[in-house]
Amino acid sequence: MPVIRASDPDFRVCRIDLDTLIEIQLHAEEHGWATRWTSVDALRSQVKEGNIFLQSMMREERGGAVHAYRCLLLFSAREEGHAGGVATVDVDPARYTTLERIDRDPDVREALARMFALAAGGISMLSKK
């Protein structure tokens, strides 16, 4: 799977809601894609309603065409004691192109890509010394 860089034309950061994420999950379930939650109920138990942010990370290609986009999700967690979570999900290319982009400005794109990299690497609240 080729990695998508912030300078690639199919890189994007999108804002989605829980209903959209559930639709993406159902499509992934229907197609037997591995990068998804085990069920909609499992997704609902972990992801809180509100803004969810999605960033393209990799593209799965078959026969010269994109079969799916592997994306990072940044979301508020439902579980007490957890502020948020980062997970991956595969998104159908047709669906991917319909998602609301928030990264059209190059400086914003770079900042959002950096935020996702920090979140995926693990962020902890630190006490100042």
N, C-alpha and C. Protein backbone atom coordinates (compact mmCIF):
# COMPACT_ATOMS: atom_id res chain seq x y z
N MET A 1 0.84 -1.18 0.00
CA MET A 1 0.00 0.00 0.00
C MET A 1 0.88 1.25 0.00
N PRO A 2 0.81 2.04 -1.02
CA PRO A 2 1.59 3.28 -1.05
C PRO A 2 1.09 4.29 0.00
N VAL A 3 2.03 4.95 0.65
CA VAL A 3 1.72 5.98 1.63
C VAL A 3 1.30 7.25 0.89
N ILE A 4 0.33 7.95 1.45
CA ILE A 4 -0.12 9.22 0.88
C ILE A 4 0.55 10.34 1.66
N ARG A 5 1.22 11.22 0.96
CA ARG A 5 1.90 12.35 1.58
C ARG A 5 1.02 13.60 1.47
N ALA A 6 1.28 14.57 2.32
CA ALA A 6 0.47 15.80 2.34
C ALA A 6 0.52 16.53 1.00
N SER A 7 1.54 16.29 0.21
CA SER A 7 1.67 16.95 -1.10
C SER A 7 0.97 16.17 -2.22
N ASP A 8 0.47 14.97 -1.93
CA ASP A 8 -0.20 14.16 -2.96
C ASP A 8 -1.59 14.73 -3.28
N PRO A 9 -2.02 14.61 -4.54
CA PRO A 9 -3.32 15.16 -4.90
C PRO A 9 -4.50 14.48 -4.20
N ASP A 10 -4.35 13.24 -3.77
CA ASP A 10 -5.46 12.57 -3.10
C ASP A 10 -5.34 12.61 -1.57
N PHE A 11 -4.39 13.40 -1.05
CA PHE A 11 -4.34 13.64 0.39
C PHE A 11 -5.50 14.55 0.76
N ARG A 12 -6.16 14.23 1.85
CA ARG A 12 -7.18 15.14 2.36
C ARG A 12 -7.44 14.88 3.83
N VAL A 13 -7.87 15.93 4.49
CA VAL A 13 -8.35 15.85 5.86
C VAL A 13 -9.80 16.30 5.80
N CYS A 14 -10.67 15.48 6.39
CA CYS A 14 -12.10 15.73 6.31
C CYS A 14 -12.72 15.72 7.69
N ARG A 15 -13.81 16.45 7.81
CA ARG A 15 -14.61 16.42 9.03
C ARG A 15 -15.86 15.61 8.70
N ILE A 16 -16.13 14.58 9.51
CA ILE A 16 -17.32 13.76 9.31
C ILE A 16 -18.08 13.65 10.62
N ASP A 17 -19.30 13.15 10.55
CA ASP A 17 -20.07 12.93 11.77
C ASP A 17 -20.21 11.43 12.00
N LEU A 18 -20.82 11.07 13.11
CA LEU A 18 -20.94 9.67 13.48
C LEU A 18 -21.76 8.88 12.45
N ASP A 19 -22.83 9.48 11.92
CA ASP A 19 -23.63 8.78 10.91
C ASP A 19 -22.81 8.43 9.67
N THR A 20 -21.96 9.34 9.25
CA THR A 20 -21.09 9.08 8.09
C THR A 20 -20.11 7.97 8.41
N LEU A 21 -19.54 8.00 9.61
CA LEU A 21 -18.61 6.94 10.00
C LEU A 21 -19.33 5.59 10.04
N ILE A 22 -20.55 5.57 10.49
CA ILE A 22 -21.32 4.32 10.51
C ILE A 22 -21.56 3.82 9.09
N GLU A 23 -21.87 4.72 8.16
CA GLU A 23 -22.04 4.32 6.76
C GLU A 23 -20.74 3.74 6.20
N ILE A 24 -19.61 4.36 6.53
CA ILE A 24 -18.31 3.84 6.10
C ILE A 24 -18.07 2.46 6.70
N GLN A 25 -18.41 2.31 7.97
CA GLN A 25 -18.28 1.01 8.66
C GLN A 25 -19.14 -0.05 7.99
N LEU A 26 -20.39 0.26 7.69
CA LEU A 26 -21.29 -0.71 7.07
C LEU A 26 -20.77 -1.15 5.70
N HIS A 27 -20.25 -0.20 4.94
CA HIS A 27 -19.67 -0.54 3.63
C HIS A 27 -18.47 -1.47 3.80
N ALA A 28 -17.63 -1.17 4.78
CA ALA A 28 -16.45 -2.02 5.05
C ALA A 28 -16.89 -3.42 5.48
N GLU A 29 -17.95 -3.50 6.29
CA GLU A 29 -18.46 -4.81 6.70
C GLU A 29 -18.98 -5.59 5.50
N GLU A 30 -19.76 -4.92 4.64
CA GLU A 30 -20.33 -5.57 3.45
C GLU A 30 -19.25 -6.13 2.54
N HIS A 31 -18.13 -5.44 2.45
CA HIS A 31 -17.04 -5.86 1.56
C HIS A 31 -15.99 -6.71 2.25
N GLY A 32 -16.18 -6.98 3.53
CA GLY A 32 -15.24 -7.82 4.27
C GLY A 32 -13.87 -7.20 4.47
N TRP A 33 -13.81 -5.87 4.50
CA TRP A 33 -12.53 -5.20 4.69
C TRP A 33 -12.09 -5.37 6.13
N ALA A 34 -10.82 -5.58 6.34
CA ALA A 34 -10.28 -5.86 7.67
C ALA A 34 -10.10 -4.61 8.51
N THR A 35 -9.88 -3.47 7.89
CA THR A 35 -9.60 -2.26 8.66
C THR A 35 -10.89 -1.52 8.93
N ARG A 36 -11.53 -1.96 10.04
CA ARG A 36 -12.82 -1.43 10.47
C ARG A 36 -13.06 -1.90 11.90
N TRP A 37 -14.17 -1.48 12.50
CA TRP A 37 -14.58 -2.01 13.79
C TRP A 37 -15.21 -3.38 13.56
N THR A 38 -15.35 -4.16 14.59
CA THR A 38 -15.96 -5.49 14.46
C THR A 38 -17.45 -5.38 14.17
N SER A 39 -18.07 -4.27 14.58
CA SER A 39 -19.50 -4.07 14.34
C SER A 39 -19.84 -2.60 14.57
N VAL A 40 -21.04 -2.22 14.14
CA VAL A 40 -21.52 -0.86 14.40
C VAL A 40 -21.66 -0.65 15.91
N ASP A 41 -22.14 -1.67 16.62
CA ASP A 41 -22.26 -1.54 18.07
C ASP A 41 -20.91 -1.28 18.73
N ALA A 42 -19.87 -1.97 18.26
CA ALA A 42 -18.52 -1.75 18.79
C ALA A 42 -18.06 -0.33 18.51
N LEU A 43 -18.32 0.15 17.31
CA LEU A 43 -17.97 1.52 16.94
C LEU A 43 -18.69 2.50 17.86
N ARG A 44 -19.99 2.32 18.01
CA ARG A 44 -20.79 3.23 18.86
C ARG A 44 -20.32 3.21 20.32
N SER A 45 -19.79 2.08 20.77
CA SER A 45 -19.34 1.99 22.16
C SER A 45 -18.04 2.76 22.39
N GLN A 46 -17.32 3.09 21.33
CA GLN A 46 -16.04 3.77 21.47
C GLN A 46 -16.03 5.21 20.98
N VAL A 47 -16.84 5.52 19.97
CA VAL A 47 -16.79 6.83 19.33
C VAL A 47 -17.97 7.70 19.79
N LYS A 48 -17.65 8.86 20.32
CA LYS A 48 -18.65 9.80 20.80
C LYS A 48 -19.19 10.63 19.63
N GLU A 49 -20.45 10.98 19.69
CA GLU A 49 -21.04 11.85 18.65
C GLU A 49 -20.31 13.18 18.63
N GLY A 50 -20.29 13.81 17.48
CA GLY A 50 -19.63 15.10 17.31
C GLY A 50 -18.70 15.03 16.12
N ASN A 51 -17.82 16.00 16.05
CA ASN A 51 -16.86 16.03 14.95
C ASN A 51 -15.87 14.89 15.04
N ILE A 52 -15.68 14.23 13.91
CA ILE A 52 -14.67 13.19 13.76
C ILE A 52 -13.80 13.64 12.60
N PHE A 53 -12.51 13.52 12.76
CA PHE A 53 -11.61 13.96 11.69
C PHE A 53 -10.95 12.75 11.05
N LEU A 54 -10.86 12.79 9.75
CA LEU A 54 -10.35 11.68 8.95
C LEU A 54 -9.23 12.21 8.07
N GLN A 55 -8.12 11.49 8.03
CA GLN A 55 -7.01 11.85 7.15
C GLN A 55 -6.58 10.64 6.35
N SER A 56 -6.43 10.83 5.05
CA SER A 56 -5.94 9.73 4.21
C SER A 56 -4.50 9.43 4.61
N MET A 57 -4.21 8.11 4.64
CA MET A 57 -2.88 7.69 5.06
C MET A 57 -2.22 6.82 3.97
N MET A 58 -2.99 5.90 3.39
CA MET A 58 -2.48 5.00 2.35
C MET A 58 -3.57 4.74 1.33
N ARG A 59 -3.13 4.28 0.17
CA ARG A 59 -4.11 3.87 -0.84
C ARG A 59 -3.83 2.42 -1.22
N GLU A 60 -4.89 1.63 -1.25
CA GLU A 60 -4.76 0.25 -1.70
C GLU A 60 -5.11 0.22 -3.17
N GLU A 61 -4.16 -0.21 -3.97
CA GLU A 61 -4.35 -0.23 -5.42
C GLU A 61 -4.46 -1.66 -5.92
N ARG A 62 -5.34 -1.85 -6.87
CA ARG A 62 -5.50 -3.14 -7.55
C ARG A 62 -5.71 -2.86 -9.04
N GLY A 63 -4.89 -3.49 -9.84
CA GLY A 63 -5.02 -3.32 -11.28
C GLY A 63 -4.89 -1.88 -11.73
N GLY A 64 -4.06 -1.10 -11.04
CA GLY A 64 -3.83 0.29 -11.42
C GLY A 64 -4.87 1.27 -10.92
N ALA A 65 -5.89 0.79 -10.20
CA ALA A 65 -6.94 1.68 -9.67
C ALA A 65 -6.95 1.60 -8.15
N VAL A 66 -7.38 2.68 -7.53
CA VAL A 66 -7.49 2.70 -6.07
C VAL A 66 -8.70 1.88 -5.66
N HIS A 67 -8.47 0.88 -4.83
CA HIS A 67 -9.53 0.00 -4.34
C HIS A 67 -10.12 0.55 -3.03
N ALA A 68 -9.27 1.13 -2.18
CA ALA A 68 -9.70 1.71 -0.90
C ALA A 68 -8.64 2.67 -0.41
N TYR A 69 -9.10 3.63 0.39
CA TYR A 69 -8.19 4.53 1.09
C TYR A 69 -8.15 4.11 2.55
N ARG A 70 -6.96 3.87 3.08
CA ARG A 70 -6.80 3.60 4.50
C ARG A 70 -6.62 4.96 5.17
N CYS A 71 -7.49 5.25 6.12
CA CYS A 71 -7.51 6.57 6.73
C CYS A 71 -7.35 6.48 8.24
N LEU A 72 -6.75 7.51 8.80
CA LEU A 72 -6.69 7.69 10.25
C LEU A 72 -7.93 8.46 10.67
N LEU A 73 -8.49 8.09 11.81
CA LEU A 73 -9.61 8.81 12.40
C LEU A 73 -9.16 9.38 13.73
N LEU A 74 -9.56 10.58 14.01
CA LEU A 74 -9.31 11.23 15.29
C LEU A 74 -10.68 11.60 15.84
N PHE A 75 -11.01 11.08 17.03
CA PHE A 75 -12.38 11.23 17.54
C PHE A 75 -12.38 11.35 19.05
N SER A 76 -13.48 11.88 19.58
CA SER A 76 -13.70 11.90 21.02
C SER A 76 -14.19 10.53 21.45
N ALA A 77 -13.64 10.06 22.57
CA ALA A 77 -14.00 8.72 23.05
C ALA A 77 -15.24 8.79 23.95
N ARG A 78 -16.05 7.75 23.89
CA ARG A 78 -17.23 7.65 24.75
C ARG A 78 -16.87 7.22 26.16
N GLU A 79 -15.81 6.46 26.29
CA GLU A 79 -15.44 5.88 27.57
C GLU A 79 -14.93 6.95 28.54
N GLU A 80 -15.42 6.89 29.77
CA GLU A 80 -14.96 7.81 30.82
C GLU A 80 -13.45 7.66 31.00
N GLY A 81 -12.79 8.78 31.22
CA GLY A 81 -11.36 8.75 31.47
C GLY A 81 -10.51 8.78 30.21
N HIS A 82 -11.13 8.71 29.05
CA HIS A 82 -10.41 8.78 27.79
C HIS A 82 -10.89 10.02 27.03
N ALA A 83 -9.98 10.90 26.69
CA ALA A 83 -10.35 12.11 25.98
C ALA A 83 -10.71 11.81 24.53
N GLY A 84 -9.89 10.99 23.90
CA GLY A 84 -10.12 10.72 22.49
C GLY A 84 -9.37 9.50 22.04
N GLY A 85 -9.51 9.20 20.76
CA GLY A 85 -8.86 8.04 20.21
C GLY A 85 -8.41 8.27 18.78
N VAL A 86 -7.52 7.41 18.35
CA VAL A 86 -7.05 7.37 16.97
C VAL A 86 -7.23 5.94 16.51
N ALA A 87 -7.82 5.78 15.33
CA ALA A 87 -8.03 4.45 14.76
C ALA A 87 -7.89 4.55 13.25
N THR A 88 -7.87 3.40 12.59
CA THR A 88 -7.84 3.38 11.13
C THR A 88 -9.12 2.76 10.59
N VAL A 89 -9.47 3.15 9.39
CA VAL A 89 -10.63 2.59 8.71
C VAL A 89 -10.38 2.70 7.21
N ASP A 90 -10.87 1.70 6.46
CA ASP A 90 -10.78 1.77 5.00
C ASP A 90 -12.04 2.42 4.46
N VAL A 91 -11.84 3.30 3.47
CA VAL A 91 -12.94 4.06 2.88
C VAL A 91 -12.97 3.81 1.38
N ASP A 92 -14.17 3.56 0.87
CA ASP A 92 -14.38 3.38 -0.56
C ASP A 92 -14.01 4.67 -1.31
N PRO A 93 -13.29 4.58 -2.44
CA PRO A 93 -12.88 5.78 -3.18
C PRO A 93 -14.04 6.70 -3.58
N ALA A 94 -15.17 6.13 -3.97
CA ALA A 94 -16.32 6.96 -4.35
C ALA A 94 -16.82 7.76 -3.15
N ARG A 95 -16.88 7.15 -2.00
CA ARG A 95 -17.31 7.81 -0.77
C ARG A 95 -16.28 8.85 -0.34
N TYR A 96 -15.02 8.48 -0.47
CA TYR A 96 -13.91 9.35 -0.07
C TYR A 96 -13.99 10.72 -0.74
N THR A 97 -14.33 10.74 -2.00
CA THR A 97 -14.37 12.00 -2.74
C THR A 97 -15.54 12.89 -2.35
N THR A 98 -16.52 12.35 -1.62
CA THR A 98 -17.69 13.15 -1.23
C THR A 98 -17.55 13.77 0.15
N LEU A 99 -16.50 13.42 0.88
CA LEU A 99 -16.36 13.90 2.26
C LEU A 99 -15.93 15.37 2.31
N GLU A 100 -16.42 16.08 3.33
CA GLU A 100 -16.14 17.50 3.49
C GLU A 100 -14.67 17.75 3.84
N ARG A 101 -13.96 18.39 2.91
CA ARG A 101 -12.54 18.69 3.13
C ARG A 101 -12.36 19.92 3.98
N ILE A 102 -11.34 19.90 4.84
CA ILE A 102 -11.00 21.08 5.63
C ILE A 102 -9.54 21.46 5.43
N ASP A 103 -8.90 20.91 4.42
CA ASP A 103 -7.45 21.07 4.24
C ASP A 103 -7.06 21.74 2.93
N ARG A 104 -7.88 22.60 2.40
CA ARG A 104 -7.59 23.18 1.08
C ARG A 104 -6.39 24.14 1.10
N ASP A 105 -6.16 24.82 2.18
CA ASP A 105 -5.02 25.72 2.29
C ASP A 105 -3.76 24.89 2.59
N PRO A 106 -2.66 25.10 1.85
CA PRO A 106 -1.44 24.30 2.05
C PRO A 106 -0.88 24.37 3.48
N ASP A 107 -0.93 25.54 4.11
CA ASP A 107 -0.42 25.67 5.48
C ASP A 107 -1.30 24.90 6.46
N VAL A 108 -2.60 24.96 6.25
CA VAL A 108 -3.53 24.21 7.10
C VAL A 108 -3.31 22.72 6.89
N ARG A 109 -3.12 22.30 5.64
CA ARG A 109 -2.88 20.89 5.34
C ARG A 109 -1.67 20.37 6.10
N GLU A 110 -0.57 21.12 6.06
CA GLU A 110 0.64 20.71 6.76
C GLU A 110 0.42 20.65 8.28
N ALA A 111 -0.29 21.63 8.82
CA ALA A 111 -0.54 21.64 10.27
C ALA A 111 -1.41 20.46 10.67
N LEU A 112 -2.45 20.16 9.90
CA LEU A 112 -3.32 19.03 10.22
C LEU A 112 -2.57 17.71 10.08
N ALA A 113 -1.74 17.59 9.06
CA ALA A 113 -0.95 16.36 8.89
C ALA A 113 -0.03 16.16 10.10
N ARG A 114 0.55 17.24 10.60
CA ARG A 114 1.42 17.15 11.77
C ARG A 114 0.63 16.76 13.02
N MET A 115 -0.58 17.31 13.17
CA MET A 115 -1.41 16.97 14.32
C MET A 115 -1.78 15.49 14.30
N PHE A 116 -2.13 14.97 13.14
CA PHE A 116 -2.45 13.55 13.03
C PHE A 116 -1.22 12.70 13.33
N ALA A 117 -0.05 13.12 12.88
CA ALA A 117 1.18 12.36 13.17
C ALA A 117 1.45 12.33 14.67
N LEU A 118 1.25 13.44 15.34
CA LEU A 118 1.42 13.47 16.79
C LEU A 118 0.41 12.58 17.49
N ALA A 119 -0.84 12.66 17.07
CA ALA A 119 -1.90 11.86 17.69
C ALA A 119 -1.65 10.37 17.48
N ALA A 120 -1.25 9.99 16.28
CA ALA A 120 -1.00 8.58 15.98
C ALA A 120 0.22 8.06 16.74
N GLY A 121 1.17 8.93 17.02
CA GLY A 121 2.36 8.54 17.75
C GLY A 121 2.15 8.48 19.25
N GLY A 122 1.04 9.04 19.70
CA GLY A 122 0.73 9.02 21.13
C GLY A 122 1.00 10.36 21.79
N ILE A 123 -0.05 10.97 22.27
CA ILE A 123 0.05 12.26 22.96
C ILE A 123 -0.36 12.04 24.41
N SER A 124 0.38 12.63 25.30
CA SER A 124 0.04 12.57 26.72
C SER A 124 0.02 14.00 27.27
N MET A 125 -0.84 14.23 28.25
CA MET A 125 -0.82 15.51 28.93
C MET A 125 0.42 15.52 29.81
N LEU A 126 1.22 16.56 29.69
CA LEU A 126 2.45 16.67 30.47
C LEU A 126 2.34 17.83 31.45
N SER A 127 2.89 17.64 32.63
CA SER A 127 2.99 18.73 33.59
C SER A 127 4.23 19.54 33.24
N LYS A 128 4.09 20.84 33.27
CA LYS A 128 5.23 21.71 32.98
C LYS A 128 6.21 21.66 34.14
N LYS A 129 7.49 21.72 33.84
CA LYS A 129 8.54 21.71 34.89
C LYS A 129 8.97 23.11 35.18
